Amino acid sequence: MTVADVNHDHKQDLVIFDSPTDGSPGTVFVLLGKGDGTFESEKKFGISSFPSVVAFGDFDGDGHLDMVVANTGNTDPLAPASLLTLKGNGDGTFQKAGAIFAGSLPFSGSDSLKLRDQQAAC
């Protein structure tokens, strides 16, 4: 679970992901905050199975938070893995997930994903 303002209303929203153990696709749930400690009904976004971590950033420069999901593919820590992106629409919804990396990465047990500006790192 993570917290982010995914719809630009200056209220914190909850983002929770489901990692099914039966091999079925995972789901990201977005609950938009009302600002009074309650949340709207969840919005669901399908992703590949076994998401392990979610992070946010404006990856395409449009001013909306986009989501990146580290996905292990299954419970084997050296199984094929991917980083999935879901482009944010700015209203708390996201477009269909697209893979930006596929390979063998030890995501199992990871509890964070660090993002940085590549140009700033040069």
PDB file of N, CA and C in Angstrom:
ATOM      1  N   MET A   1       0.844  -1.166   0.000  1.00  0.00           N
ATOM      2  CA  MET A   1       0.000   0.000   0.000  1.00  0.00           C
ATOM      3  C   MET A   1       0.892   1.232   0.000  1.00  0.00           C
ATOM      4  N   THR A   2       0.428   2.264  -0.681  1.00  0.00           N
ATOM      5  CA  THR A   2       1.150   3.534  -0.680  1.00  0.00           C
ATOM      6  C   THR A   2       0.136   4.673  -0.721  1.00  0.00           C
ATOM      7  N   VAL A   3       0.612   5.863  -0.446  1.00  0.00           N
ATOM      8  CA  VAL A   3      -0.228   7.056  -0.430  1.00  0.00           C
ATOM      9  C   VAL A   3       0.321   8.034  -1.451  1.00  0.00           C
ATOM     10  N   ALA A   4      -0.572   8.641  -2.243  1.00  0.00           N
ATOM     11  CA  ALA A   4      -0.181   9.639  -3.239  1.00  0.00           C
ATOM     12  C   ALA A   4      -1.415  10.460  -3.608  1.00  0.00           C
ATOM     13  N   ASP A   5      -1.214  11.667  -4.084  1.00  0.00           N
ATOM     14  CA  ASP A   5      -2.326  12.484  -4.575  1.00  0.00           C
ATOM     15  C   ASP A   5      -2.421  12.262  -6.084  1.00  0.00           C
ATOM     16  N   VAL A   6      -3.172  11.258  -6.494  1.00  0.00           N
ATOM     17  CA  VAL A   6      -3.200  10.869  -7.911  1.00  0.00           C
ATOM     18  C   VAL A   6      -4.201  11.661  -8.747  1.00  0.00           C
ATOM     19  N   ASN A   7      -5.021  12.508  -8.102  1.00  0.00           N
ATOM     20  CA  ASN A   7      -6.005  13.278  -8.868  1.00  0.00           C
ATOM     21  C   ASN A   7      -5.884  14.787  -8.667  1.00  0.00           C
ATOM     22  N   HIS A   8      -4.768  15.245  -8.137  1.00  0.00           N
ATOM     23  CA  HIS A   8      -4.451  16.680  -8.027  1.00  0.00           C
ATOM     24  C   HIS A   8      -5.434  17.491  -7.182  1.00  0.00           C
ATOM     25  N   ASP A   9      -6.050  16.879  -6.163  1.00  0.00           N
ATOM     26  CA  ASP A   9      -6.990  17.640  -5.343  1.00  0.00           C
ATOM     27  C   ASP A   9      -6.406  18.010  -3.981  1.00  0.00           C
ATOM     28  N   HIS A  10      -5.122  17.756  -3.783  1.00  0.00           N
ATOM     29  CA  HIS A  10      -4.399  18.054  -2.539  1.00  0.00           C
ATOM     30  C   HIS A  10      -4.908  17.231  -1.360  1.00  0.00           C
ATOM     31  N   LYS A  11      -5.521  16.074  -1.657  1.00  0.00           N
ATOM     32  CA  LYS A  11      -5.971  15.130  -0.637  1.00  0.00           C
ATOM     33  C   LYS A  11      -5.268  13.808  -0.900  1.00  0.00           C
ATOM     34  N   GLN A  12      -4.821  13.157   0.152  1.00  0.00           N
ATOM     35  CA  GLN A  12      -4.090  11.910  -0.004  1.00  0.00           C
ATOM     36  C   GLN A  12      -5.019  10.774  -0.426  1.00  0.00           C
ATOM     37  N   ASP A  13      -4.567  10.002  -1.400  1.00  0.00           N
ATOM     38  CA  ASP A  13      -5.297   8.850  -1.917  1.00  0.00           C
ATOM     39  C   ASP A  13      -4.530   7.587  -1.544  1.00  0.00           C
ATOM     40  N   LEU A  14      -5.245   6.473  -1.409  1.00  0.00           N
ATOM     41  CA  LEU A  14      -4.618   5.187  -1.110  1.00  0.00           C
ATOM     42  C   LEU A  14      -4.492   4.370  -2.380  1.00  0.00           C
ATOM     43  N   VAL A  15      -3.352   3.721  -2.542  1.00  0.00           N
ATOM     44  CA  VAL A  15      -3.128   2.797  -3.649  1.00  0.00           C
ATOM     45  C   VAL A  15      -2.699   1.473  -3.036  1.00  0.00           C
ATOM     46  N   ILE A  16      -3.493   0.447  -3.291  1.00  0.00           N
ATOM     47  CA  ILE A  16      -3.268  -0.873  -2.706  1.00  0.00           C
ATOM     48  C   ILE A  16      -3.184  -1.871  -3.849  1.00  0.00           C
ATOM     49  N   PHE A  17      -2.270  -2.842  -3.762  1.00  0.00           N
ATOM     50  CA  PHE A  17      -2.221  -3.856  -4.807  1.00  0.00           C
ATOM     51  C   PHE A  17      -2.450  -5.236  -4.229  1.00  0.00           C
ATOM     52  N   ASP A  18      -2.995  -6.087  -5.078  1.00  0.00           N
ATOM     53  CA  ASP A  18      -3.335  -7.463  -4.733  1.00  0.00           C
ATOM     54  C   ASP A  18      -2.388  -8.380  -5.483  1.00  0.00           C
ATOM     55  N   SER A  19      -1.740  -9.284  -4.764  1.00  0.00           N
ATOM     56  CA  SER A  19      -0.841 -10.272  -5.368  1.00  0.00           C
ATOM     57  C   SER A  19      -1.439 -11.661  -5.179  1.00  0.00           C
ATOM     58  N   PRO A  20      -2.266 -12.129  -6.090  1.00  0.00           N
ATOM     59  CA  PRO A  20      -2.876 -13.451  -5.920  1.00  0.00           C
ATOM     60  C   PRO A  20      -1.830 -14.560  -5.935  1.00  0.00           C
ATOM     61  N   THR A  21      -2.056 -15.571  -5.144  1.00  0.00           N
ATOM     62  CA  THR A  21      -1.128 -16.708  -5.100  1.00  0.00           C
ATOM     63  C   THR A  21      -1.535 -17.817  -6.048  1.00  0.00           C
ATOM     64  N   ASP A  22      -2.675 -17.664  -6.725  1.00  0.00           N
ATOM     65  CA  ASP A  22      -3.148 -18.719  -7.623  1.00  0.00           C
ATOM     66  C   ASP A  22      -2.709 -18.511  -9.072  1.00  0.00           C
ATOM     67  N   GLY A  23      -1.865 -17.497  -9.327  1.00  0.00           N
ATOM     68  CA  GLY A  23      -1.377 -17.251 -10.678  1.00  0.00           C
ATOM     69  C   GLY A  23      -2.269 -16.338 -11.495  1.00  0.00           C
ATOM     70  N   SER A  24      -3.408 -15.917 -10.950  1.00  0.00           N
ATOM     71  CA  SER A  24      -4.284 -15.009 -11.691  1.00  0.00           C
ATOM     72  C   SER A  24      -3.695 -13.601 -11.673  1.00  0.00           C
ATOM     73  N   PRO A  25      -4.095 -12.756 -12.618  1.00  0.00           N
ATOM     74  CA  PRO A  25      -3.533 -11.402 -12.690  1.00  0.00           C
ATOM     75  C   PRO A  25      -3.780 -10.600 -11.421  1.00  0.00           C
ATOM     76  N   GLY A  26      -2.818  -9.745 -11.097  1.00  0.00           N
ATOM     77  CA  GLY A  26      -2.947  -8.867  -9.943  1.00  0.00           C
ATOM     78  C   GLY A  26      -3.807  -7.665 -10.264  1.00  0.00           C
ATOM     79  N   THR A  27      -4.123  -6.905  -9.244  1.00  0.00           N
ATOM     80  CA  THR A  27      -4.957  -5.722  -9.387  1.00  0.00           C
ATOM     81  C   THR A  27      -4.398  -4.608  -8.520  1.00  0.00           C
ATOM     82  N   VAL A  28      -4.443  -3.385  -9.037  1.00  0.00           N
ATOM     83  CA  VAL A  28      -4.143  -2.199  -8.254  1.00  0.00           C
ATOM     84  C   VAL A  28      -5.474  -1.517  -7.970  1.00  0.00           C
ATOM     85  N   PHE A  29      -5.696  -1.193  -6.697  1.00  0.00           N
ATOM     86  CA  PHE A  29      -6.914  -0.506  -6.279  1.00  0.00           C
ATOM     87  C   PHE A  29      -6.545   0.916  -5.885  1.00  0.00           C
ATOM     88  N   VAL A  30      -7.254   1.902  -6.421  1.00  0.00           N
ATOM     89  CA  VAL A  30      -7.049   3.300  -6.067  1.00  0.00           C
ATOM     90  C   VAL A  30      -8.299   3.781  -5.341  1.00  0.00           C
ATOM     91  N   LEU A  31      -8.111   4.297  -4.123  1.00  0.00           N
ATOM     92  CA  LEU A  31      -9.201   4.854  -3.337  1.00  0.00           C
ATOM     93  C   LEU A  31      -8.925   6.337  -3.161  1.00  0.00           C
ATOM     94  N   LEU A  32      -9.714   7.170  -3.802  1.00  0.00           N
ATOM     95  CA  LEU A  32      -9.509   8.613  -3.745  1.00  0.00           C
ATOM     96  C   LEU A  32      -9.951   9.150  -2.392  1.00  0.00           C
ATOM     97  N   GLY A  33      -9.081   9.931  -1.756  1.00  0.00           N
ATOM     98  CA  GLY A  33      -9.375  10.501  -0.451  1.00  0.00           C
ATOM     99  C   GLY A  33     -10.346  11.659  -0.548  1.00  0.00           C
ATOM    100  N   LYS A  34     -11.254  11.734   0.420  1.00  0.00           N
ATOM    101  CA  LYS A  34     -12.216  12.833   0.482  1.00  0.00           C
ATOM    102  C   LYS A  34     -11.713  13.984   1.350  1.00  0.00           C
ATOM    103  N   GLY A  35     -10.597  13.767   2.070  1.00  0.00           N
ATOM    104  CA  GLY A  35     -10.039  14.815   2.912  1.00  0.00           C
ATOM    105  C   GLY A  35     -10.591  14.832   4.326  1.00  0.00           C
ATOM    106  N   ASP A  36     -11.521  13.925   4.626  1.00  0.00           N
ATOM    107  CA  ASP A  36     -12.099  13.864   5.967  1.00  0.00           C
ATOM    108  C   ASP A  36     -11.836  12.513   6.634  1.00  0.00           C
ATOM    109  N   GLY A  37     -10.857  11.773   6.105  1.00  0.00           N
ATOM    110  CA  GLY A  37     -10.532  10.454   6.645  1.00  0.00           C
ATOM    111  C   GLY A  37     -11.289   9.318   5.986  1.00  0.00           C
ATOM    112  N   THR A  38     -12.147   9.642   5.015  1.00  0.00           N
ATOM    113  CA  THR A  38     -12.875   8.600   4.285  1.00  0.00           C
ATOM    114  C   THR A  38     -12.434   8.614   2.829  1.00  0.00           C
ATOM    115  N   PHE A  39     -12.837   7.571   2.107  1.00  0.00           N
ATOM    116  CA  PHE A  39     -12.404   7.400   0.722  1.00  0.00           C
ATOM    117  C   PHE A  39     -13.582   7.035  -0.161  1.00  0.00           C
ATOM    118  N   GLU A  40     -13.476   7.386  -1.445  1.00  0.00           N
ATOM    119  CA  GLU A  40     -14.465   6.977  -2.437  1.00  0.00           C
ATOM    120  C   GLU A  40     -14.310   5.480  -2.701  1.00  0.00           C
ATOM    121  N   SER A  41     -15.269   4.895  -3.401  1.00  0.00           N
ATOM    122  CA  SER A  41     -15.170   3.489  -3.796  1.00  0.00           C
ATOM    123  C   SER A  41     -13.935   3.290  -4.658  1.00  0.00           C
ATOM    124  N   GLU A  42     -13.356   2.092  -4.557  1.00  0.00           N
ATOM    125  CA  GLU A  42     -12.102   1.848  -5.274  1.00  0.00           C
ATOM    126  C   GLU A  42     -12.297   1.786  -6.780  1.00  0.00           C
ATOM    127  N   LYS A  43     -11.235   2.179  -7.470  1.00  0.00           N
ATOM    128  CA  LYS A  43     -11.118   1.999  -8.918  1.00  0.00           C
ATOM    129  C   LYS A  43     -10.103   0.881  -9.093  1.00  0.00           C
ATOM    130  N   LYS A  44     -10.357  -0.055 -10.017  1.00  0.00           N
ATOM    131  CA  LYS A  44      -9.483  -1.220 -10.195  1.00  0.00           C
ATOM    132  C   LYS A  44      -8.736  -1.125 -11.519  1.00  0.00           C
ATOM    133  N   PHE A  45      -7.453  -1.511 -11.471  1.00  0.00           N
ATOM    134  CA  PHE A  45      -6.607  -1.527 -12.664  1.00  0.00           C
ATOM    135  C   PHE A  45      -5.847  -2.842 -12.678  1.00  0.00           C
ATOM    136  N   GLY A  46      -6.047  -3.639 -13.724  1.00  0.00           N
ATOM    137  CA  GLY A  46      -5.399  -4.938 -13.838  1.00  0.00           C
ATOM    138  C   GLY A  46      -3.928  -4.821 -14.197  1.00  0.00           C
ATOM    139  N   ILE A  47      -3.127  -5.686 -13.582  1.00  0.00           N
ATOM    140  CA  ILE A  47      -1.697  -5.783 -13.885  1.00  0.00           C
ATOM    141  C   ILE A  47      -1.331  -7.260 -13.892  1.00  0.00           C
ATOM    142  N   SER A  48      -0.100  -7.563 -14.218  1.00  0.00           N
ATOM    143  CA  SER A  48       0.362  -8.948 -14.184  1.00  0.00           C
ATOM    144  C   SER A  48       0.394  -9.446 -12.747  1.00  0.00           C
ATOM    145  N   SER A  49       0.527 -10.740 -12.593  1.00  0.00           N
ATOM    146  CA  SER A  49       0.501 -11.320 -11.250  1.00  0.00           C
ATOM    147  C   SER A  49       1.748 -10.971 -10.443  1.00  0.00           C
ATOM    148  N   PHE A  50       1.614 -11.031  -9.126  1.00  0.00           N
ATOM    149  CA  PHE A  50       2.671 -10.847  -8.139  1.00  0.00           C
ATOM    150  C   PHE A  50       3.341  -9.475  -8.145  1.00  0.00           C
ATOM    151  N   PRO A  51       2.577  -8.386  -8.113  1.00  0.00           N
ATOM    152  CA  PRO A  51       3.218  -7.082  -7.918  1.00  0.00           C
ATOM    153  C   PRO A  51       3.841  -7.044  -6.533  1.00  0.00           C
ATOM    154  N   SER A  52       5.021  -6.450  -6.418  1.00  0.00           N
ATOM    155  CA  SER A  52       5.678  -6.411  -5.120  1.00  0.00           C
ATOM    156  C   SER A  52       5.841  -5.003  -4.570  1.00  0.00           C
ATOM    157  N   VAL A  53       5.828  -3.992  -5.435  1.00  0.00           N
ATOM    158  CA  VAL A  53       6.028  -2.626  -4.963  1.00  0.00           C
ATOM    159  C   VAL A  53       5.460  -1.647  -5.989  1.00  0.00           C
ATOM    160  N   VAL A  54       4.955  -0.511  -5.529  1.00  0.00           N
ATOM    161  CA  VAL A  54       4.391   0.524  -6.395  1.00  0.00           C
ATOM    162  C   VAL A  54       5.071   1.846  -6.063  1.00  0.00           C
ATOM    163  N   ALA A  55       5.381   2.644  -7.096  1.00  0.00           N
ATOM    164  CA  ALA A  55       5.944   3.980  -6.898  1.00  0.00           C
ATOM    165  C   ALA A  55       5.319   4.926  -7.923  1.00  0.00           C
ATOM    166  N   PHE A  56       5.422   6.227  -7.660  1.00  0.00           N
ATOM    167  CA  PHE A  56       4.810   7.226  -8.520  1.00  0.00           C
ATOM    168  C   PHE A  56       5.811   8.272  -8.959  1.00  0.00           C
ATOM    169  N   GLY A  57       5.604   8.804 -10.164  1.00  0.00           N
ATOM    170  CA  GLY A  57       6.402   9.893 -10.704  1.00  0.00           C
ATOM    171  C   GLY A  57       5.749  10.362 -11.986  1.00  0.00           C
ATOM    172  N   ASP A  58       6.078  11.557 -12.419  1.00  0.00           N
ATOM    173  CA  ASP A  58       5.565  12.070 -13.694  1.00  0.00           C
ATOM    174  C   ASP A  58       6.569  11.688 -14.772  1.00  0.00           C
ATOM    175  N   PHE A  59       6.423  10.487 -15.327  1.00  0.00           N
ATOM    176  CA  PHE A  59       7.414   9.936 -16.254  1.00  0.00           C
ATOM    177  C   PHE A  59       7.344  10.522 -17.655  1.00  0.00           C
ATOM    178  N   ASP A  60       6.205  11.100 -18.023  1.00  0.00           N
ATOM    179  CA  ASP A  60       6.073  11.629 -19.382  1.00  0.00           C
ATOM    180  C   ASP A  60       5.962  13.150 -19.424  1.00  0.00           C
ATOM    181  N   GLY A  61       6.112  13.821 -18.275  1.00  0.00           N
ATOM    182  CA  GLY A  61       6.148  15.276 -18.235  1.00  0.00           C
ATOM    183  C   GLY A  61       4.825  15.971 -18.484  1.00  0.00           C
ATOM    184  N   ASP A  62       3.696  15.260 -18.317  1.00  0.00           N
ATOM    185  CA  ASP A  62       2.398  15.888 -18.571  1.00  0.00           C
ATOM    186  C   ASP A  62       1.765  16.494 -17.323  1.00  0.00           C
ATOM    187  N   GLY A  63       2.470  16.439 -16.185  1.00  0.00           N
ATOM    188  CA  GLY A  63       1.954  17.006 -14.956  1.00  0.00           C
ATOM    189  C   GLY A  63       1.097  16.061 -14.134  1.00  0.00           C
ATOM    190  N   HIS A  64       0.864  14.833 -14.609  1.00  0.00           N
ATOM    191  CA  HIS A  64       0.067  13.840 -13.890  1.00  0.00           C
ATOM    192  C   HIS A  64       0.969  12.736 -13.355  1.00  0.00           C
ATOM    193  N   LEU A  65       0.668  12.251 -12.143  1.00  0.00           N
ATOM    194  CA  LEU A  65       1.442  11.140 -11.597  1.00  0.00           C
ATOM    195  C   LEU A  65       1.161   9.864 -12.380  1.00  0.00           C
ATOM    196  N   ASP A  66       2.228   9.197 -12.767  1.00  0.00           N
ATOM    197  CA  ASP A  66       2.159   7.887 -13.404  1.00  0.00           C
ATOM    198  C   ASP A  66       2.606   6.863 -12.366  1.00  0.00           C
ATOM    199  N   MET A  67       2.219   5.621 -12.568  1.00  0.00           N
ATOM    200  CA  MET A  67       2.536   4.567 -11.611  1.00  0.00           C
ATOM    201  C   MET A  67       3.503   3.578 -12.235  1.00  0.00           C
ATOM    202  N   VAL A  68       4.482   3.131 -11.458  1.00  0.00           N
ATOM    203  CA  VAL A  68       5.356   2.049 -11.877  1.00  0.00           C
ATOM    204  C   VAL A  68       5.205   0.936 -10.839  1.00  0.00           C
ATOM    205  N   VAL A  69       5.080  -0.297 -11.336  1.00  0.00           N
ATOM    206  CA  VAL A  69       4.869  -1.460 -10.484  1.00  0.00           C
ATOM    207  C   VAL A  69       5.985  -2.460 -10.749  1.00  0.00           C
ATOM    208  N   ALA A  70       6.696  -2.854  -9.701  1.00  0.00           N
ATOM    209  CA  ALA A  70       7.672  -3.942  -9.805  1.00  0.00           C
ATOM    210  C   ALA A  70       6.879  -5.236  -9.695  1.00  0.00           C
ATOM    211  N   ASN A  71       7.035  -6.090 -10.677  1.00  0.00           N
ATOM    212  CA  ASN A  71       6.240  -7.306 -10.788  1.00  0.00           C
ATOM    213  C   ASN A  71       7.168  -8.499 -10.924  1.00  0.00           C
ATOM    214  N   THR A  72       7.097  -9.452  -9.994  1.00  0.00           N
ATOM    215  CA  THR A  72       8.014 -10.586 -10.041  1.00  0.00           C
ATOM    216  C   THR A  72       7.570 -11.698 -10.973  1.00  0.00           C
ATOM    217  N   GLY A  73       6.314 -11.753 -11.350  1.00  0.00           N
ATOM    218  CA  GLY A  73       5.851 -12.816 -12.244  1.00  0.00           C
ATOM    219  C   GLY A  73       5.404 -14.051 -11.512  1.00  0.00           C
ATOM    220  N   ASN A  74       6.082 -14.427 -10.435  1.00  0.00           N
ATOM    221  CA  ASN A  74       5.650 -15.527  -9.552  1.00  0.00           C
ATOM    222  C   ASN A  74       6.443 -15.472  -8.259  1.00  0.00           C
ATOM    223  N   THR A  75       6.356 -16.481  -7.436  1.00  0.00           N
ATOM    224  CA  THR A  75       7.005 -16.437  -6.124  1.00  0.00           C
ATOM    225  C   THR A  75       8.489 -16.777  -6.151  1.00  0.00           C
ATOM    226  N   ASP A  76       9.026 -17.232  -7.269  1.00  0.00           N
ATOM    227  CA  ASP A  76      10.456 -17.530  -7.387  1.00  0.00           C
ATOM    228  C   ASP A  76      11.219 -16.215  -7.524  1.00  0.00           C
ATOM    229  N   PRO A  77      12.156 -15.891  -6.594  1.00  0.00           N
ATOM    230  CA  PRO A  77      12.847 -14.604  -6.637  1.00  0.00           C
ATOM    231  C   PRO A  77      13.695 -14.382  -7.885  1.00  0.00           C
ATOM    232  N   LEU A  78      14.038 -15.420  -8.614  1.00  0.00           N
ATOM    233  CA  LEU A  78      14.828 -15.238  -9.839  1.00  0.00           C
ATOM    234  C   LEU A  78      14.002 -15.491 -11.097  1.00  0.00           C
ATOM    235  N   ALA A  79      12.689 -15.525 -10.964  1.00  0.00           N
ATOM    236  CA  ALA A  79      11.800 -15.723 -12.115  1.00  0.00           C
ATOM    237  C   ALA A  79      11.802 -14.470 -12.986  1.00  0.00           C
ATOM    238  N   PRO A  80      11.381 -14.589 -14.241  1.00  0.00           N
ATOM    239  CA  PRO A  80      11.279 -13.398 -15.083  1.00  0.00           C
ATOM    240  C   PRO A  80      10.446 -12.326 -14.386  1.00  0.00           C
ATOM    241  N   ALA A  81      10.922 -11.113 -14.439  1.00  0.00           N
ATOM    242  CA  ALA A  81      10.269 -10.007 -13.757  1.00  0.00           C
ATOM    243  C   ALA A  81      10.046  -8.869 -14.742  1.00  0.00           C
ATOM    244  N   SER A  82       9.290  -7.868 -14.317  1.00  0.00           N
ATOM    245  CA  SER A  82       9.074  -6.720 -15.172  1.00  0.00           C
ATOM    246  C   SER A  82       8.802  -5.489 -14.330  1.00  0.00           C
ATOM    247  N   LEU A  83       9.018  -4.351 -14.931  1.00  0.00           N
ATOM    248  CA  LEU A  83       8.556  -3.086 -14.394  1.00  0.00           C
ATOM    249  C   LEU A  83       7.419  -2.657 -15.302  1.00  0.00           C
ATOM    250  N   LEU A  84       6.269  -2.418 -14.717  1.00  0.00           N
ATOM    251  CA  LEU A  84       5.093  -2.022 -15.477  1.00  0.00           C
ATOM    252  C   LEU A  84       4.800  -0.557 -15.225  1.00  0.00           C
ATOM    253  N   THR A  85       4.389   0.172 -16.238  1.00  0.00           N
ATOM    254  CA  THR A  85       3.972   1.554 -16.052  1.00  0.00           C
ATOM    255  C   THR A  85       2.495   1.679 -16.385  1.00  0.00           C
ATOM    256  N   LEU A  86       1.821   2.500 -15.617  1.00  0.00           N
ATOM    257  CA  LEU A  86       0.438   2.857 -15.875  1.00  0.00           C
ATOM    258  C   LEU A  86       0.397   4.373 -15.946  1.00  0.00           C
ATOM    259  N   LYS A  87       0.143   4.909 -17.128  1.00  0.00           N
ATOM    260  CA  LYS A  87       0.134   6.354 -17.344  1.00  0.00           C
ATOM    261  C   LYS A  87      -1.078   6.961 -16.648  1.00  0.00           C
ATOM    262  N   GLY A  88      -0.818   7.968 -15.807  1.00  0.00           N
ATOM    263  CA  GLY A  88      -1.893   8.637 -15.074  1.00  0.00           C
ATOM    264  C   GLY A  88      -2.649   9.614 -15.946  1.00  0.00           C
ATOM    265  N   ASN A  89      -3.969   9.660 -15.751  1.00  0.00           N
ATOM    266  CA  ASN A  89      -4.824  10.595 -16.482  1.00  0.00           C
ATOM    267  C   ASN A  89      -5.065  11.886 -15.713  1.00  0.00           C
ATOM    268  N   GLY A  90      -4.589  11.963 -14.456  1.00  0.00           N
ATOM    269  CA  GLY A  90      -4.728  13.166 -13.652  1.00  0.00           C
ATOM    270  C   GLY A  90      -6.017  13.244 -12.858  1.00  0.00           C
ATOM    271  N   ASP A  91      -6.903  12.273 -13.038  1.00  0.00           N
ATOM    272  CA  ASP A  91      -8.184  12.280 -12.339  1.00  0.00           C
ATOM    273  C   ASP A  91      -8.341  11.078 -11.413  1.00  0.00           C
ATOM    274  N   GLY A  92      -7.221  10.393 -11.137  1.00  0.00           N
ATOM    275  CA  GLY A  92      -7.265   9.204 -10.296  1.00  0.00           C
ATOM    276  C   GLY A  92      -7.406   7.917 -11.071  1.00  0.00           C
ATOM    277  N   THR A  93      -7.455   8.011 -12.392  1.00  0.00           N
ATOM    278  CA  THR A  93      -7.499   6.814 -13.230  1.00  0.00           C
ATOM    279  C   THR A  93      -6.179   6.669 -13.973  1.00  0.00           C
ATOM    280  N   PHE A  94      -5.932   5.442 -14.451  1.00  0.00           N
ATOM    281  CA  PHE A  94      -4.683   5.125 -15.132  1.00  0.00           C
ATOM    282  C   PHE A  94      -4.973   4.330 -16.389  1.00  0.00           C
ATOM    283  N   GLN A  95      -4.101   4.465 -17.379  1.00  0.00           N
ATOM    284  CA  GLN A  95      -4.230   3.704 -18.614  1.00  0.00           C
ATOM    285  C   GLN A  95      -3.686   2.297 -18.414  1.00  0.00           C
ATOM    286  N   LYS A  96      -3.943   1.438 -19.355  1.00  0.00           N
ATOM    287  CA  LYS A  96      -3.515   0.034 -19.293  1.00  0.00           C
ATOM    288  C   LYS A  96      -2.001  -0.065 -19.090  1.00  0.00           C
ATOM    289  N   ALA A  97      -1.600  -1.040 -18.284  1.00  0.00           N
ATOM    290  CA  ALA A  97      -0.185  -1.238 -17.950  1.00  0.00           C
ATOM    291  C   ALA A  97       0.624  -1.655 -19.173  1.00  0.00           C
ATOM    292  N   GLY A  98       1.829  -1.120 -19.254  1.00  0.00           N
ATOM    293  CA  GLY A  98       2.771  -1.507 -20.287  1.00  0.00           C
ATOM    294  C   GLY A  98       4.114  -1.831 -19.656  1.00  0.00           C
ATOM    295  N   ALA A  99       4.784  -2.878 -20.126  1.00  0.00           N
ATOM    296  CA  ALA A  99       6.071  -3.287 -19.553  1.00  0.00           C
ATOM    297  C   ALA A  99       7.184  -2.396 -20.092  1.00  0.00           C
ATOM    298  N   ILE A 100       8.087  -1.954 -19.194  1.00  0.00           N
ATOM    299  CA  ILE A 100       9.255  -1.188 -19.621  1.00  0.00           C
ATOM    300  C   ILE A 100      10.546  -1.957 -19.381  1.00  0.00           C
ATOM    301  N   PHE A 101      10.459  -3.074 -18.671  1.00  0.00           N
ATOM    302  CA  PHE A 101      11.628  -3.914 -18.455  1.00  0.00           C
ATOM    303  C   PHE A 101      11.149  -5.336 -18.230  1.00  0.00           C
ATOM    304  N   ALA A 102      11.860  -6.276 -18.785  1.00  0.00           N
ATOM    305  CA  ALA A 102      11.585  -7.685 -18.506  1.00  0.00           C
ATOM    306  C   ALA A 102      12.929  -8.390 -18.379  1.00  0.00           C
ATOM    307  N   GLY A 103      13.084  -9.222 -17.390  1.00  0.00           N
ATOM    308  CA  GLY A 103      14.335  -9.927 -17.165  1.00  0.00           C
ATOM    309  C   GLY A 103      14.289 -10.665 -15.852  1.00  0.00           C
ATOM    310  N   SER A 104      15.432 -10.961 -15.287  1.00  0.00           N
ATOM    311  CA  SER A 104      15.494 -11.638 -14.002  1.00  0.00           C
ATOM    312  C   SER A 104      16.045 -10.678 -12.964  1.00  0.00           C
ATOM    313  N   LEU A 105      15.163 -10.243 -12.092  1.00  0.00           N
ATOM    314  CA  LEU A 105      15.550  -9.349 -11.011  1.00  0.00           C
ATOM    315  C   LEU A 105      15.031  -9.913  -9.701  1.00  0.00           C
ATOM    316  N   PRO A 106      15.782  -9.812  -8.633  1.00  0.00           N
ATOM    317  CA  PRO A 106      15.329 -10.342  -7.339  1.00  0.00           C
ATOM    318  C   PRO A 106      14.384  -9.389  -6.621  1.00  0.00           C
ATOM    319  N   PHE A 107      13.142  -9.260  -7.113  1.00  0.00           N
ATOM    320  CA  PHE A 107      12.163  -8.385  -6.480  1.00  0.00           C
ATOM    321  C   PHE A 107      11.556  -9.010  -5.237  1.00  0.00           C
ATOM    322  N   SER A 108      11.619 -10.307  -5.099  1.00  0.00           N
ATOM    323  CA  SER A 108      10.948 -10.968  -3.985  1.00  0.00           C
ATOM    324  C   SER A 108      11.465 -10.422  -2.659  1.00  0.00           C
ATOM    325  N   GLY A 109      10.552 -10.015  -1.801  1.00  0.00           N
ATOM    326  CA  GLY A 109      10.924  -9.484  -0.503  1.00  0.00           C
ATOM    327  C   GLY A 109      11.264  -8.004  -0.530  1.00  0.00           C
ATOM    328  N   SER A 110      11.323  -7.398  -1.708  1.00  0.00           N
ATOM    329  CA  SER A 110      11.634  -5.980  -1.794  1.00  0.00           C
ATOM    330  C   SER A 110      10.449  -5.166  -1.300  1.00  0.00           C
ATOM    331  N   ASP A 111      10.723  -4.092  -0.560  1.00  0.00           N
ATOM    332  CA  ASP A 111       9.635  -3.271  -0.065  1.00  0.00           C
ATOM    333  C   ASP A 111       9.741  -1.824  -0.533  1.00  0.00           C
ATOM    334  N   SER A 112      10.621  -1.551  -1.490  1.00  0.00           N
ATOM    335  CA  SER A 112      10.717  -0.193  -1.995  1.00  0.00           C
ATOM    336  C   SER A 112      11.212  -0.193  -3.430  1.00  0.00           C
ATOM    337  N   LEU A 113      10.916   0.884  -4.108  1.00  0.00           N
ATOM    338  CA  LEU A 113      11.353   1.098  -5.474  1.00  0.00           C
ATOM    339  C   LEU A 113      11.822   2.541  -5.514  1.00  0.00           C
ATOM    340  N   LYS A 114      13.071   2.779  -5.899  1.00  0.00           N
ATOM    341  CA  LYS A 114      13.627   4.126  -5.911  1.00  0.00           C
ATOM    342  C   LYS A 114      13.617   4.669  -7.330  1.00  0.00           C
ATOM    343  N   LEU A 115      13.120   5.885  -7.467  1.00  0.00           N
ATOM    344  CA  LEU A 115      13.039   6.558  -8.754  1.00  0.00           C
ATOM    345  C   LEU A 115      13.960   7.760  -8.727  1.00  0.00           C
ATOM    346  N   ARG A 116      14.544   8.082  -9.881  1.00  0.00           N
ATOM    347  CA  ARG A 116      15.375   9.281  -9.965  1.00  0.00           C
ATOM    348  C   ARG A 116      15.343   9.816 -11.379  1.00  0.00           C
ATOM    349  N   ASP A 117      15.686  11.059 -11.523  1.00  0.00           N
ATOM    350  CA  ASP A 117      15.755  11.727 -12.806  1.00  0.00           C
ATOM    351  C   ASP A 117      17.100  11.363 -13.422  1.00  0.00           C
ATOM    352  N   GLN A 118      17.098  10.663 -14.538  1.00  0.00           N
ATOM    353  CA  GLN A 118      18.331  10.208 -15.168  1.00  0.00           C
ATOM    354  C   GLN A 118      19.234  11.378 -15.552  1.00  0.00           C
ATOM    355  N   GLN A 119      18.662  12.470 -16.045  1.00  0.00           N
ATOM    356  CA  GLN A 119      19.484  13.614 -16.426  1.00  0.00           C
ATOM    357  C   GLN A 119      20.171  14.220 -15.203  1.00  0.00           C
ATOM    358  N   ALA A 120      19.451  14.252 -14.088  1.00  0.00           N
ATOM    359  CA  ALA A 120      20.047  14.819 -12.869  1.00  0.00           C
ATOM    360  C   ALA A 120      21.169  13.926 -12.345  1.00  0.00           C
ATOM    361  N   ALA A 121      21.141  12.646 -12.693  1.00  0.00           N
ATOM    362  CA  ALA A 121      22.157  11.726 -12.192  1.00  0.00           C
ATOM    363  C   ALA A 121      23.428  11.770 -13.012  1.00  0.00           C
ATOM    364  N   CYS A 122      23.414  12.400 -14.169  1.00  0.00           N
ATOM    365  CA  CYS A 122      24.589  12.432 -15.048  1.00  0.00           C
ATOM    366  C   CYS A 122      25.614  13.424 -14.554  1.00  0.00           C
TER     367      CYS A 122
END
